[in-house]
């Protein structure tokens, strides 16, 4: 909302088998058929069959994957990705970083595809599967981190710093490496989210001011704001107003101004924009300041704009495309 009043000069603010030969002591005792007499002339004993041993064939164990073959396949899958991730680490912000992220995302997907079709030794089967899944997620996160280069653009390194996939890749890689299968990858550096703010009332831009008009901004929103007044295509001034605070600009020249405001978190002075949770709006009504001489003194305009909605407010606002918001 805004309110207006007119004042006079002077008021300013994973078992083994042993098929045991069953020694079937087939006590194959050849029983004599001579009327039941077991002894022969001369007192010698009867004859008996010699026991024989039967042996079952030993099954051949199921072949397993040669560890050296798996290591070669693992290296072939991860090598190109490692190179791409190193390129992300070296890239500067902007287009170069976005291109490096695109390449790394494609190679992460290719590495995941390769590992999913690779046979791994028994001790590496689980780790191989985990790494493939983690690489698939990494590819998605690399794509999502890509900056759009516009206003309110969080750094891709900050986005990657909040993603879970790099940690999952590291954990799966460490598990395989501990078993003797080198799966180390150099993941790109990340950054922590920042919380940059300016002091309340800081003039970010300040054109020529020499009038008597006075503007007070009340920021009752939950985030900091920057209010910008323009005359035509030119920016008259921009002021930083912290959440829950007021700021007053004095010496506003006579004229009609469009009042824009942006709110958000983490003010990036180089881009003249917040980097998270941004909104861009403007008041539908213009702010008009006049300074006139009257009998006995000078009259000038004092305006108050409240950024949050208030009961009884008489000012409406509209969204503004970020690219149309004045710098």
C-alpha atoms as a PDB file:
ATOM      1  CA  UNK A   1       0.000   0.000   0.000  1.00  0.00           C
ATOM      2  CA  UNK A   2       1.104   3.551  -0.057  1.00  0.00           C
ATOM      3  CA  UNK A   3       0.021   6.668   1.674  1.00  0.00           C
ATOM      4  CA  UNK A   4       0.598  10.265   0.811  1.00  0.00           C
ATOM      5  CA  UNK A   5       0.769  13.481   2.743  1.00  0.00           C
ATOM      6  CA  UNK A   6       1.943  16.976   2.017  1.00  0.00           C
ATOM      7  CA  UNK A   7       4.254  18.822   4.390  1.00  0.00           C
ATOM      8  CA  UNK A   8       6.199  22.092   4.498  1.00  0.00           C
ATOM      9  CA  UNK A   9      10.000  22.403   4.179  1.00  0.00           C
ATOM     10  CA  UNK A  10      11.981  21.410   7.195  1.00  0.00           C
ATOM     11  CA  UNK A  11      10.241  18.104   7.852  1.00  0.00           C
ATOM     12  CA  UNK A  12      12.566  15.248   6.283  1.00  0.00           C
ATOM     13  CA  UNK A  13      13.762  10.638   6.777  1.00  0.00           C
ATOM     14  CA  UNK A  14      29.694 -67.645  -1.056  1.00  0.00           C
ATOM     15  CA  UNK A  15      31.045 -75.935  -1.206  1.00  0.00           C
ATOM     16  CA  UNK A  16      33.031 -78.654  -2.415  1.00  0.00           C
ATOM     17  CA  UNK A  17      32.065 -82.263  -3.128  1.00  0.00           C
ATOM     18  CA  UNK A  18      33.958 -85.311  -2.239  1.00  0.00           C
ATOM     19  CA  UNK A  19      31.929 -88.101  -3.763  1.00  0.00           C
ATOM     20  CA  UNK A  20      33.130 -90.494  -1.301  1.00  0.00           C
ATOM     21  CA  UNK A  21      33.707 -93.807  -2.786  1.00  0.00           C
ATOM     22  CA  UNK A  22      31.235 -95.749  -0.860  1.00  0.00           C
ATOM     23  CA  UNK A  23      33.382 -98.517   0.098  1.00  0.00           C
ATOM     24  CA  UNK A  24      30.553-100.804  -0.235  1.00  0.00           C
ATOM     25  CA  UNK A  25      32.135-103.492   1.601  1.00  0.00           C
ATOM     26  CA  UNK A  26      29.799-105.489  -0.382  1.00  0.00           C
ATOM     27  CA  UNK A  27      30.580-108.332   1.702  1.00  0.00           C
ATOM     28  CA  UNK A  28      30.099-110.274  -1.394  1.00  0.00           C
ATOM     29  CA  UNK A  29      30.865-113.479   0.335  1.00  0.00           C
ATOM     30  CA  UNK A  30      30.697-116.183  -2.234  1.00  0.00           C
ATOM     31  CA  UNK A  31      28.738-118.755  -0.389  1.00  0.00           C
ATOM     32  CA  UNK A  32      29.652-122.360  -1.212  1.00  0.00           C
ATOM     33  CA  UNK A  33      27.053-124.500  -2.857  1.00  0.00           C
ATOM     34  CA  UNK A  34      28.641-127.859  -1.804  1.00  0.00           C
ATOM     35  CA  UNK A  35      26.046-129.128   0.588  1.00  0.00           C
ATOM     36  CA  UNK A  36      26.818-126.423   2.952  1.00  0.00           C
ATOM     37  CA  UNK A  37      30.476-127.430   3.612  1.00  0.00           C
ATOM     38  CA  UNK A  38      32.698-124.394   3.496  1.00  0.00           C
ATOM     39  CA  UNK A  39      36.071-126.270   3.737  1.00  0.00           C
ATOM     40  CA  UNK A  40      37.814-127.893   0.757  1.00  0.00           C
ATOM     41  CA  UNK A  41      40.435-130.678   0.663  1.00  0.00           C
ATOM     42  CA  UNK A  42      43.654-129.568   2.234  1.00  0.00           C
ATOM     43  CA  UNK A  43      41.775-127.341   4.657  1.00  0.00           C
ATOM     44  CA  UNK A  44      41.937-124.186   2.510  1.00  0.00           C
ATOM     45  CA  UNK A  45      39.199-121.639   2.864  1.00  0.00           C
ATOM     46  CA  UNK A  46      36.589-120.725   0.241  1.00  0.00           C
ATOM     47  CA  UNK A  47      36.831-117.892  -2.229  1.00  0.00           C
ATOM     48  CA  UNK A  48      35.329-114.333  -1.807  1.00  0.00           C
ATOM     49  CA  UNK A  49      34.823-111.428  -4.241  1.00  0.00           C
ATOM     50  CA  UNK A  50      37.221-108.457  -4.023  1.00  0.00           C
ATOM     51  CA  UNK A  51      35.424-105.304  -2.971  1.00  0.00           C
ATOM     52  CA  UNK A  52      35.333-102.559  -5.607  1.00  0.00           C
ATOM     53  CA  UNK A  53      35.005 -98.790  -5.151  1.00  0.00           C
ATOM     54  CA  UNK A  54      32.445 -96.740  -7.118  1.00  0.00           C
ATOM     55  CA  UNK A  55      33.271 -93.013  -7.671  1.00  0.00           C
ATOM     56  CA  UNK A  56      30.769 -90.327  -8.644  1.00  0.00           C
ATOM     57  CA  UNK A  57      32.121 -87.623 -10.969  1.00  0.00           C
ATOM     58  CA  UNK A  58      32.959 -84.334  -9.204  1.00  0.00           C
ATOM     59  CA  UNK A  59      30.784 -81.452 -10.525  1.00  0.00           C
ATOM     60  CA  UNK A  60      32.639 -78.562 -12.118  1.00  0.00           C
ATOM     61  CA  UNK A  61      32.112 -75.305 -10.145  1.00  0.00           C
ATOM     62  CA  UNK A  62      30.156 -72.539 -11.858  1.00  0.00           C
ATOM     63  CA  UNK A  63      32.632 -70.283 -13.633  1.00  0.00           C
ATOM     64  CA  UNK A  64      33.017 -66.822 -12.096  1.00  0.00           C
ATOM     65  CA  UNK A  65      34.161 -63.536 -13.599  1.00  0.00           C
ATOM     66  CA  UNK A  66      37.882 -62.989 -13.758  1.00  0.00           C
ATOM     67  CA  UNK A  67      38.678 -60.044 -11.435  1.00  0.00           C
ATOM     68  CA  UNK A  68      41.173 -58.637 -13.931  1.00  0.00           C
ATOM     69  CA  UNK A  69      38.506 -58.623 -16.635  1.00  0.00           C
ATOM     70  CA  UNK A  70      36.128 -56.768 -14.341  1.00  0.00           C
ATOM     71  CA  UNK A  71      38.757 -54.216 -13.387  1.00  0.00           C
ATOM     72  CA  UNK A  72      39.321 -53.495 -17.069  1.00  0.00           C
ATOM     73  CA  UNK A  73      35.601 -53.018 -17.673  1.00  0.00           C
ATOM     74  CA  UNK A  74      35.301 -50.794 -14.607  1.00  0.00           C
ATOM     75  CA  UNK A  75      38.154 -48.611 -15.734  1.00  0.00           C
ATOM     76  CA  UNK A  76      36.681 -48.316 -19.211  1.00  0.00           C
ATOM     77  CA  UNK A  77      33.335 -47.195 -17.817  1.00  0.00           C
ATOM     78  CA  UNK A  78      34.661 -44.697 -15.289  1.00  0.00           C
ATOM     79  CA  UNK A  79      37.638 -43.214 -17.120  1.00  0.00           C
ATOM     80  CA  UNK A  80      35.724 -40.869 -19.446  1.00  0.00           C
ATOM     81  CA  UNK A  81      33.461 -39.779 -16.608  1.00  0.00           C
ATOM     82  CA  UNK A  82      36.394 -38.978 -14.355  1.00  0.00           C
ATOM     83  CA  UNK A  83      37.873 -36.741 -17.039  1.00  0.00           C
ATOM     84  CA  UNK A  84      34.541 -34.945 -17.476  1.00  0.00           C
ATOM     85  CA  UNK A  85      34.150 -34.399 -13.728  1.00  0.00           C
ATOM     86  CA  UNK A  86      37.628 -32.895 -13.567  1.00  0.00           C
ATOM     87  CA  UNK A  87      36.600 -30.492 -16.299  1.00  0.00           C
ATOM     88  CA  UNK A  88      33.599 -29.429 -14.196  1.00  0.00           C
ATOM     89  CA  UNK A  89      35.960 -28.790 -11.306  1.00  0.00           C
ATOM     90  CA  UNK A  90      38.103 -26.466 -13.429  1.00  0.00           C
ATOM     91  CA  UNK A  91      35.310 -24.603 -15.198  1.00  0.00           C
ATOM     92  CA  UNK A  92      34.393 -21.072 -14.290  1.00  0.00           C
ATOM     93  CA  UNK A  93      30.844 -19.895 -13.661  1.00  0.00           C
ATOM     94  CA  UNK A  94      28.556 -19.322 -16.583  1.00  0.00           C
ATOM     95  CA  UNK A  95      28.507 -20.961 -20.014  1.00  0.00           C
ATOM     96  CA  UNK A  96      31.767 -22.894 -19.554  1.00  0.00           C
ATOM     97  CA  UNK A  97      30.468 -24.530 -16.385  1.00  0.00           C
ATOM     98  CA  UNK A  98      27.111 -25.347 -17.977  1.00  0.00           C
ATOM     99  CA  UNK A  99      28.818 -27.036 -20.956  1.00  0.00           C
ATOM    100  CA  UNK A 100      31.068 -29.048 -18.610  1.00  0.00           C
ATOM    101  CA  UNK A 101      28.001 -30.124 -16.600  1.00  0.00           C
ATOM    102  CA  UNK A 102      26.201 -31.275 -19.759  1.00  0.00           C
ATOM    103  CA  UNK A 103      29.200 -33.412 -20.809  1.00  0.00           C
ATOM    104  CA  UNK A 104      29.628 -34.900 -17.340  1.00  0.00           C
ATOM    105  CA  UNK A 105      25.910 -35.727 -17.089  1.00  0.00           C
ATOM    106  CA  UNK A 106      26.011 -37.604 -20.424  1.00  0.00           C
ATOM    107  CA  UNK A 107      29.100 -39.557 -19.360  1.00  0.00           C
ATOM    108  CA  UNK A 108      27.579 -40.428 -15.979  1.00  0.00           C
ATOM    109  CA  UNK A 109      24.583 -41.930 -17.803  1.00  0.00           C
ATOM    110  CA  UNK A 110      26.909 -43.830 -20.185  1.00  0.00           C
ATOM    111  CA  UNK A 111      28.942 -45.205 -17.244  1.00  0.00           C
ATOM    112  CA  UNK A 112      25.748 -46.344 -15.502  1.00  0.00           C
ATOM    113  CA  UNK A 113      24.604 -48.116 -18.698  1.00  0.00           C
ATOM    114  CA  UNK A 114      27.993 -49.852 -19.033  1.00  0.00           C
ATOM    115  CA  UNK A 115      28.065 -51.078 -15.436  1.00  0.00           C
ATOM    116  CA  UNK A 116      24.509 -52.395 -15.594  1.00  0.00           C
ATOM    117  CA  UNK A 117      25.524 -54.713 -18.470  1.00  0.00           C
ATOM    118  CA  UNK A 118      28.903 -55.686 -16.958  1.00  0.00           C
ATOM    119  CA  UNK A 119      29.306 -59.066 -15.174  1.00  0.00           C
ATOM    120  CA  UNK A 120      31.084 -58.592 -11.868  1.00  0.00           C
ATOM    121  CA  UNK A 121      32.920 -61.107  -9.616  1.00  0.00           C
ATOM    122  CA  UNK A 122      30.726 -62.493  -6.829  1.00  0.00           C
ATOM    123  CA  UNK A 123      32.259 -60.194  -4.213  1.00  0.00           C
ATOM    124  CA  UNK A 124      31.666 -57.125  -6.356  1.00  0.00           C
ATOM    125  CA  UNK A 125      28.149 -57.798  -7.601  1.00  0.00           C
ATOM    126  CA  UNK A 126      26.389 -55.713  -4.978  1.00  0.00           C
ATOM    127  CA  UNK A 127      28.871 -52.851  -5.164  1.00  0.00           C
ATOM    128  CA  UNK A 128      28.704 -52.747  -8.938  1.00  0.00           C
ATOM    129  CA  UNK A 129      24.920 -52.446  -8.818  1.00  0.00           C
ATOM    130  CA  UNK A 130      25.078 -49.715  -6.179  1.00  0.00           C
ATOM    131  CA  UNK A 131      27.605 -47.728  -8.177  1.00  0.00           C
ATOM    132  CA  UNK A 132      25.516 -47.956 -11.341  1.00  0.00           C
ATOM    133  CA  UNK A 133      22.461 -46.614  -9.504  1.00  0.00           C
ATOM    134  CA  UNK A 134      24.454 -43.809  -7.905  1.00  0.00           C
ATOM    135  CA  UNK A 135      25.898 -42.768 -11.253  1.00  0.00           C
ATOM    136  CA  UNK A 136      22.423 -42.641 -12.753  1.00  0.00           C
ATOM    137  CA  UNK A 137      21.340 -40.256 -10.002  1.00  0.00           C
ATOM    138  CA  UNK A 138      24.523 -38.224 -10.436  1.00  0.00           C
ATOM    139  CA  UNK A 139      23.698 -37.677 -14.088  1.00  0.00           C
ATOM    140  CA  UNK A 140      20.321 -36.247 -13.131  1.00  0.00           C
ATOM    141  CA  UNK A 141      21.800 -33.979 -10.470  1.00  0.00           C
ATOM    142  CA  UNK A 142      24.443 -32.666 -12.855  1.00  0.00           C
ATOM    143  CA  UNK A 143      21.684 -31.727 -15.289  1.00  0.00           C
ATOM    144  CA  UNK A 144      19.581 -30.100 -12.578  1.00  0.00           C
ATOM    145  CA  UNK A 145      22.495 -28.049 -11.272  1.00  0.00           C
ATOM    146  CA  UNK A 146      22.951 -26.354 -14.631  1.00  0.00           C
ATOM    147  CA  UNK A 147      22.400 -22.655 -14.234  1.00  0.00           C
ATOM    148  CA  UNK A 148      20.102 -20.677 -16.488  1.00  0.00           C
ATOM    149  CA  UNK A 149      22.367 -17.677 -16.392  1.00  0.00           C
ATOM    150  CA  UNK A 150      19.524 -15.344 -15.476  1.00  0.00           C
ATOM    151  CA  UNK A 151      18.379 -13.429 -12.465  1.00  0.00           C
ATOM    152  CA  UNK A 152      18.015 -15.363  -9.223  1.00  0.00           C
ATOM    153  CA  UNK A 153      20.416 -18.051 -10.475  1.00  0.00           C
ATOM    154  CA  UNK A 154      21.862 -20.219  -7.702  1.00  0.00           C
ATOM    155  CA  UNK A 155      25.414 -21.334  -8.455  1.00  0.00           C
ATOM    156  CA  UNK A 156      25.579 -24.930  -9.842  1.00  0.00           C
ATOM    157  CA  UNK A 157      28.249 -25.633  -7.237  1.00  0.00           C
ATOM    158  CA  UNK A 158      25.806 -24.743  -4.484  1.00  0.00           C
ATOM    159  CA  UNK A 159      23.141 -26.977  -6.077  1.00  0.00           C
ATOM    160  CA  UNK A 160      25.616 -29.905  -6.251  1.00  0.00           C
ATOM    161  CA  UNK A 161      26.561 -29.269  -2.642  1.00  0.00           C
ATOM    162  CA  UNK A 162      23.005 -30.072  -1.551  1.00  0.00           C
ATOM    163  CA  UNK A 163      22.622 -33.180  -3.808  1.00  0.00           C
ATOM    164  CA  UNK A 164      22.817 -36.717  -2.345  1.00  0.00           C
ATOM    165  CA  UNK A 165      24.190 -38.499  -5.445  1.00  0.00           C
ATOM    166  CA  UNK A 166      27.847 -37.380  -5.108  1.00  0.00           C
ATOM    167  CA  UNK A 167      27.934 -38.901  -1.604  1.00  0.00           C
ATOM    168  CA  UNK A 168      26.319 -42.130  -2.899  1.00  0.00           C
ATOM    169  CA  UNK A 169      28.909 -42.358  -5.670  1.00  0.00           C
ATOM    170  CA  UNK A 170      31.718 -41.921  -3.166  1.00  0.00           C
ATOM    171  CA  UNK A 171      30.326 -44.601  -0.822  1.00  0.00           C
ATOM    172  CA  UNK A 172      29.832 -47.170  -3.617  1.00  0.00           C
ATOM    173  CA  UNK A 173      33.283 -46.360  -5.009  1.00  0.00           C
ATOM    174  CA  UNK A 174      34.956 -46.818  -1.629  1.00  0.00           C
ATOM    175  CA  UNK A 175      33.252 -50.219  -1.153  1.00  0.00           C
ATOM    176  CA  UNK A 176      34.559 -51.516  -4.495  1.00  0.00           C
ATOM    177  CA  UNK A 177      38.012 -50.021  -3.986  1.00  0.00           C
ATOM    178  CA  UNK A 178      38.280 -51.780  -0.590  1.00  0.00           C
ATOM    179  CA  UNK A 179      37.710 -55.093  -2.425  1.00  0.00           C
ATOM    180  CA  UNK A 180      40.531 -54.360  -4.855  1.00  0.00           C
ATOM    181  CA  UNK A 181      38.518 -52.810  -7.683  1.00  0.00           C
ATOM    182  CA  UNK A 182      39.532 -49.204  -8.191  1.00  0.00           C
ATOM    183  CA  UNK A 183      36.373 -47.158  -8.561  1.00  0.00           C
ATOM    184  CA  UNK A 184      37.671 -43.795  -7.429  1.00  0.00           C
ATOM    185  CA  UNK A 185      36.234 -40.701  -9.091  1.00  0.00           C
ATOM    186  CA  UNK A 186      37.259 -37.106  -8.587  1.00  0.00           C
ATOM    187  CA  UNK A 187      34.020 -35.323  -7.919  1.00  0.00           C
ATOM    188  CA  UNK A 188      33.900 -31.592  -8.610  1.00  0.00           C
ATOM    189  CA  UNK A 189      34.165 -29.063  -5.838  1.00  0.00           C
ATOM    190  CA  UNK A 190      30.989 -27.685  -4.382  1.00  0.00           C
ATOM    191  CA  UNK A 191      30.050 -24.606  -2.406  1.00  0.00           C
ATOM    192  CA  UNK A 192      27.865 -23.980   0.597  1.00  0.00           C
ATOM    193  CA  UNK A 193      24.822 -21.777   0.209  1.00  0.00           C
ATOM    194  CA  UNK A 194      25.654 -18.198   1.093  1.00  0.00           C
ATOM    195  CA  UNK A 195      23.611 -15.619   2.980  1.00  0.00           C
ATOM    196  CA  UNK A 196      24.910 -12.275   1.776  1.00  0.00           C
ATOM    197  CA  UNK A 197      23.041  -9.143   2.869  1.00  0.00           C
ATOM    198  CA  UNK A 198      23.551  -5.423   2.733  1.00  0.00           C
ATOM    199  CA  UNK A 199      22.961  -3.015   5.559  1.00  0.00           C
ATOM    200  CA  UNK A 200      19.452  -1.692   5.816  1.00  0.00           C
ATOM    201  CA  UNK A 201      19.008   1.481   3.796  1.00  0.00           C
ATOM    202  CA  UNK A 202      22.057   0.896   1.569  1.00  0.00           C
ATOM    203  CA  UNK A 203      21.709   2.753  -1.722  1.00  0.00           C
ATOM    204  CA  UNK A 204      22.689   0.241  -4.434  1.00  0.00           C
ATOM    205  CA  UNK A 205      22.240   2.817  -7.175  1.00  0.00           C
ATOM    206  CA  UNK A 206      21.823   6.500  -6.669  1.00  0.00           C
ATOM    207  CA  UNK A 207      21.206   8.999  -9.416  1.00  0.00           C
ATOM    208  CA  UNK A 208      20.973  12.739  -9.079  1.00  0.00           C
ATOM    209  CA  UNK A 209      18.694  13.733  -6.226  1.00  0.00           C
ATOM    210  CA  UNK A 210      18.024  17.305  -5.321  1.00  0.00           C
ATOM    211  CA  UNK A 211      14.372  17.703  -4.587  1.00  0.00           C
ATOM    212  CA  UNK A 212      12.493  17.720  -1.357  1.00  0.00           C
ATOM    213  CA  UNK A 213      10.400  14.577  -1.894  1.00  0.00           C
ATOM    214  CA  UNK A 214      10.664  11.842   0.646  1.00  0.00           C
ATOM    215  CA  UNK A 215       9.991   8.091   0.282  1.00  0.00           C
ATOM    216  CA  UNK A 216       9.689   5.587   3.103  1.00  0.00           C
ATOM    217  CA  UNK A 217       9.690   1.825   2.412  1.00  0.00           C
ATOM    218  CA  UNK A 218       8.274  -0.577   4.992  1.00  0.00           C
ATOM    219  CA  UNK A 219       9.321  -4.201   4.467  1.00  0.00           C
ATOM    220  CA  UNK A 220       7.021  -6.500   6.416  1.00  0.00           C
ATOM    221  CA  UNK A 221       7.785  -9.512   4.190  1.00  0.00           C
ATOM    222  CA  UNK A 222       9.763 -12.545   5.390  1.00  0.00           C
ATOM    223  CA  UNK A 223      12.817 -11.737   3.260  1.00  0.00           C
ATOM    224  CA  UNK A 224      15.022  -8.795   2.370  1.00  0.00           C
ATOM    225  CA  UNK A 225      14.067  -6.553  -0.515  1.00  0.00           C
ATOM    226  CA  UNK A 226      15.503  -4.098  -2.996  1.00  0.00           C
ATOM    227  CA  UNK A 227      13.232  -1.260  -4.125  1.00  0.00           C
ATOM    228  CA  UNK A 228      14.016   0.529  -7.379  1.00  0.00           C
ATOM    229  CA  UNK A 229      12.436   3.688  -8.738  1.00  0.00           C
ATOM    230  CA  UNK A 230      12.659   4.486 -12.436  1.00  0.00           C
ATOM    231  CA  UNK A 231      11.687   7.423 -14.601  1.00  0.00           C
ATOM    232  CA  UNK A 232      11.118   6.121 -18.099  1.00  0.00           C
ATOM    233  CA  UNK A 233      13.977   3.699 -18.859  1.00  0.00           C
ATOM    234  CA  UNK A 234      16.372   5.263 -16.380  1.00  0.00           C
ATOM    235  CA  UNK A 235      16.906   4.084 -12.816  1.00  0.00           C
ATOM    236  CA  UNK A 236      16.703   6.924 -10.331  1.00  0.00           C
ATOM    237  CA  UNK A 237      17.818   4.942  -7.305  1.00  0.00           C
ATOM    238  CA  UNK A 238      17.687   1.484  -5.660  1.00  0.00           C
ATOM    239  CA  UNK A 239      17.641   0.908  -1.935  1.00  0.00           C
ATOM    240  CA  UNK A 240      18.161  -2.255   0.146  1.00  0.00           C
ATOM    241  CA  UNK A 241      15.537  -2.831   2.850  1.00  0.00           C
ATOM    242  CA  UNK A 242      16.005  -5.694   5.281  1.00  0.00           C
ATOM    243  CA  UNK A 243      13.028  -7.799   6.359  1.00  0.00           C
ATOM    244  CA  UNK A 244      11.065  -6.228   9.169  1.00  0.00           C
ATOM    245  CA  UNK A 245      12.743  -2.872   8.620  1.00  0.00           C
ATOM    246  CA  UNK A 246      11.982   0.544   7.163  1.00  0.00           C
ATOM    247  CA  UNK A 247      14.178   2.726   4.992  1.00  0.00           C
ATOM    248  CA  UNK A 248      13.731   6.356   3.985  1.00  0.00           C
ATOM    249  CA  UNK A 249      15.099   8.102   0.912  1.00  0.00           C
ATOM    250  CA  UNK A 250      15.200  11.894   1.010  1.00  0.00           C
ATOM    251  CA  UNK A 251      15.725  14.550  -1.616  1.00  0.00           C
ATOM    252  CA  UNK A 252      13.622  12.804  -4.246  1.00  0.00           C
ATOM    253  CA  UNK A 253      13.225  14.968  -7.317  1.00  0.00           C
ATOM    254  CA  UNK A 254       9.828  15.976  -8.591  1.00  0.00           C
ATOM    255  CA  UNK A 255       8.423  13.603 -11.180  1.00  0.00           C
ATOM    256  CA  UNK A 256       6.468  10.406 -11.767  1.00  0.00           C
ATOM    257  CA  UNK A 257       8.248   7.135 -10.952  1.00  0.00           C
ATOM    258  CA  UNK A 258       7.558   3.422 -11.452  1.00  0.00           C
ATOM    259  CA  UNK A 259       8.267   1.533  -8.215  1.00  0.00           C
ATOM    260  CA  UNK A 260       9.759  -1.955  -8.614  1.00  0.00           C
ATOM    261  CA  UNK A 261      10.754  -4.312  -5.835  1.00  0.00           C
ATOM    262  CA  UNK A 262      12.452  -7.712  -5.644  1.00  0.00           C
ATOM    263  CA  UNK A 263      12.607  -9.965  -2.582  1.00  0.00           C
ATOM    264  CA  UNK A 264      14.674 -13.081  -1.833  1.00  0.00           C
ATOM    265  CA  UNK A 265      17.754 -14.432  -0.065  1.00  0.00           C
ATOM    266  CA  UNK A 266      21.502 -14.010  -0.588  1.00  0.00           C
ATOM    267  CA  UNK A 267      22.123 -10.754  -2.423  1.00  0.00           C
ATOM    268  CA  UNK A 268      24.664 -11.136  -5.255  1.00  0.00           C
ATOM    269  CA  UNK A 269      25.928  -7.643  -5.901  1.00  0.00           C
ATOM    270  CA  UNK A 270      27.693  -8.663  -9.133  1.00  0.00           C
ATOM    271  CA  UNK A 271      24.359  -9.734 -10.632  1.00  0.00           C
ATOM    272  CA  UNK A 272      22.282  -7.159  -8.772  1.00  0.00           C
ATOM    273  CA  UNK A 273      19.941  -9.929  -7.704  1.00  0.00           C
ATOM    274  CA  UNK A 274      19.115 -12.319  -4.929  1.00  0.00           C
ATOM    275  CA  UNK A 275      20.143 -15.919  -5.669  1.00  0.00           C
ATOM    276  CA  UNK A 276      17.323 -17.861  -3.958  1.00  0.00           C
ATOM    277  CA  UNK A 277      13.580 -17.537  -3.507  1.00  0.00           C
ATOM    278  CA  UNK A 278      13.307 -14.502  -5.724  1.00  0.00           C
ATOM    279  CA  UNK A 279      10.205 -12.586  -6.699  1.00  0.00           C
ATOM    280  CA  UNK A 280      10.018  -9.577  -8.993  1.00  0.00           C
ATOM    281  CA  UNK A 281       7.095  -7.131  -8.804  1.00  0.00           C
ATOM    282  CA  UNK A 282       6.074  -3.550  -9.338  1.00  0.00           C
ATOM    283  CA  UNK A 283       3.357  -1.274  -8.001  1.00  0.00           C
ATOM    284  CA  UNK A 284       0.659  -0.689 -10.564  1.00  0.00           C
ATOM    285  CA  UNK A 285       0.328   2.970  -9.614  1.00  0.00           C
ATOM    286  CA  UNK A 286       3.183   5.347 -10.138  1.00  0.00           C
ATOM    287  CA  UNK A 287       4.699   7.386  -7.366  1.00  0.00           C
ATOM    288  CA  UNK A 288       4.474  11.081  -8.095  1.00  0.00           C
ATOM    289  CA  UNK A 289       6.533  13.641  -6.224  1.00  0.00           C
ATOM    290  CA  UNK A 290       6.019  17.377  -6.426  1.00  0.00           C
ATOM    291  CA  UNK A 291       7.772  20.297  -4.902  1.00  0.00           C
ATOM    292  CA  UNK A 292       6.002  23.629  -5.193  1.00  0.00           C
ATOM    293  CA  UNK A 293       6.318  27.036  -3.627  1.00  0.00           C
ATOM    294  CA  UNK A 294       3.299  28.299  -1.793  1.00  0.00           C
ATOM    295  CA  UNK A 295       2.607  31.342   0.247  1.00  0.00           C
ATOM    296  CA  UNK A 296       4.635  31.048   3.368  1.00  0.00           C
ATOM    297  CA  UNK A 297       6.901  28.189   2.271  1.00  0.00           C
ATOM    298  CA  UNK A 298       7.311  25.148   0.052  1.00  0.00           C
ATOM    299  CA  UNK A 299       5.128  22.075  -0.254  1.00  0.00           C
ATOM    300  CA  UNK A 300       6.682  18.690  -1.083  1.00  0.00           C
ATOM    301  CA  UNK A 301       5.502  15.081  -1.314  1.00  0.00           C
ATOM    302  CA  UNK A 302       6.040  12.417   1.312  1.00  0.00           C
ATOM    303  CA  UNK A 303       5.098   8.844   0.309  1.00  0.00           C
ATOM    304  CA  UNK A 304       5.143   5.549   2.193  1.00  0.00           C
ATOM    305  CA  UNK A 305       5.090   2.194   0.398  1.00  0.00           C
ATOM    306  CA  UNK A 306       4.496  -1.060   2.294  1.00  0.00           C
ATOM    307  CA  UNK A 307       5.801  -4.186   0.494  1.00  0.00           C
ATOM    308  CA  UNK A 308       3.647  -6.675   2.379  1.00  0.00           C
ATOM    309  CA  UNK A 309      -0.112  -6.714   2.026  1.00  0.00           C
ATOM    310  CA  UNK A 310      -1.891  -4.829   4.756  1.00  0.00           C
ATOM    311  CA  UNK A 311      -5.534  -4.346   5.720  1.00  0.00           C
ATOM    312  CA  UNK A 312      -6.860  -1.268   4.053  1.00  0.00           C
ATOM    313  CA  UNK A 313      -3.980  -1.098   1.584  1.00  0.00           C
ATOM    314  CA  UNK A 314      -4.770   0.901  -1.545  1.00  0.00           C
ATOM    315  CA  UNK A 315      -1.903  -0.161  -3.834  1.00  0.00           C
ATOM    316  CA  UNK A 316      -1.941  -3.207  -6.123  1.00  0.00           C
ATOM    317  CA  UNK A 317       1.130  -4.951  -7.525  1.00  0.00           C
ATOM    318  CA  UNK A 318       1.939  -7.061 -10.597  1.00  0.00           C
ATOM    319  CA  UNK A 319       4.575  -9.704 -11.306  1.00  0.00           C
ATOM    320  CA  UNK A 320       7.451  -8.646 -13.547  1.00  0.00           C
ATOM    321  CA  UNK A 321       9.508 -11.025 -15.765  1.00  0.00           C
ATOM    322  CA  UNK A 322      13.010 -11.196 -14.250  1.00  0.00           C
ATOM    323  CA  UNK A 323      14.546  -9.989 -17.493  1.00  0.00           C
ATOM    324  CA  UNK A 324      12.449  -6.829 -17.373  1.00  0.00           C
ATOM    325  CA  UNK A 325      13.387  -5.894 -13.844  1.00  0.00           C
ATOM    326  CA  UNK A 326      15.657  -2.846 -13.821  1.00  0.00           C
ATOM    327  CA  UNK A 327      19.263  -3.350 -12.837  1.00  0.00           C
END
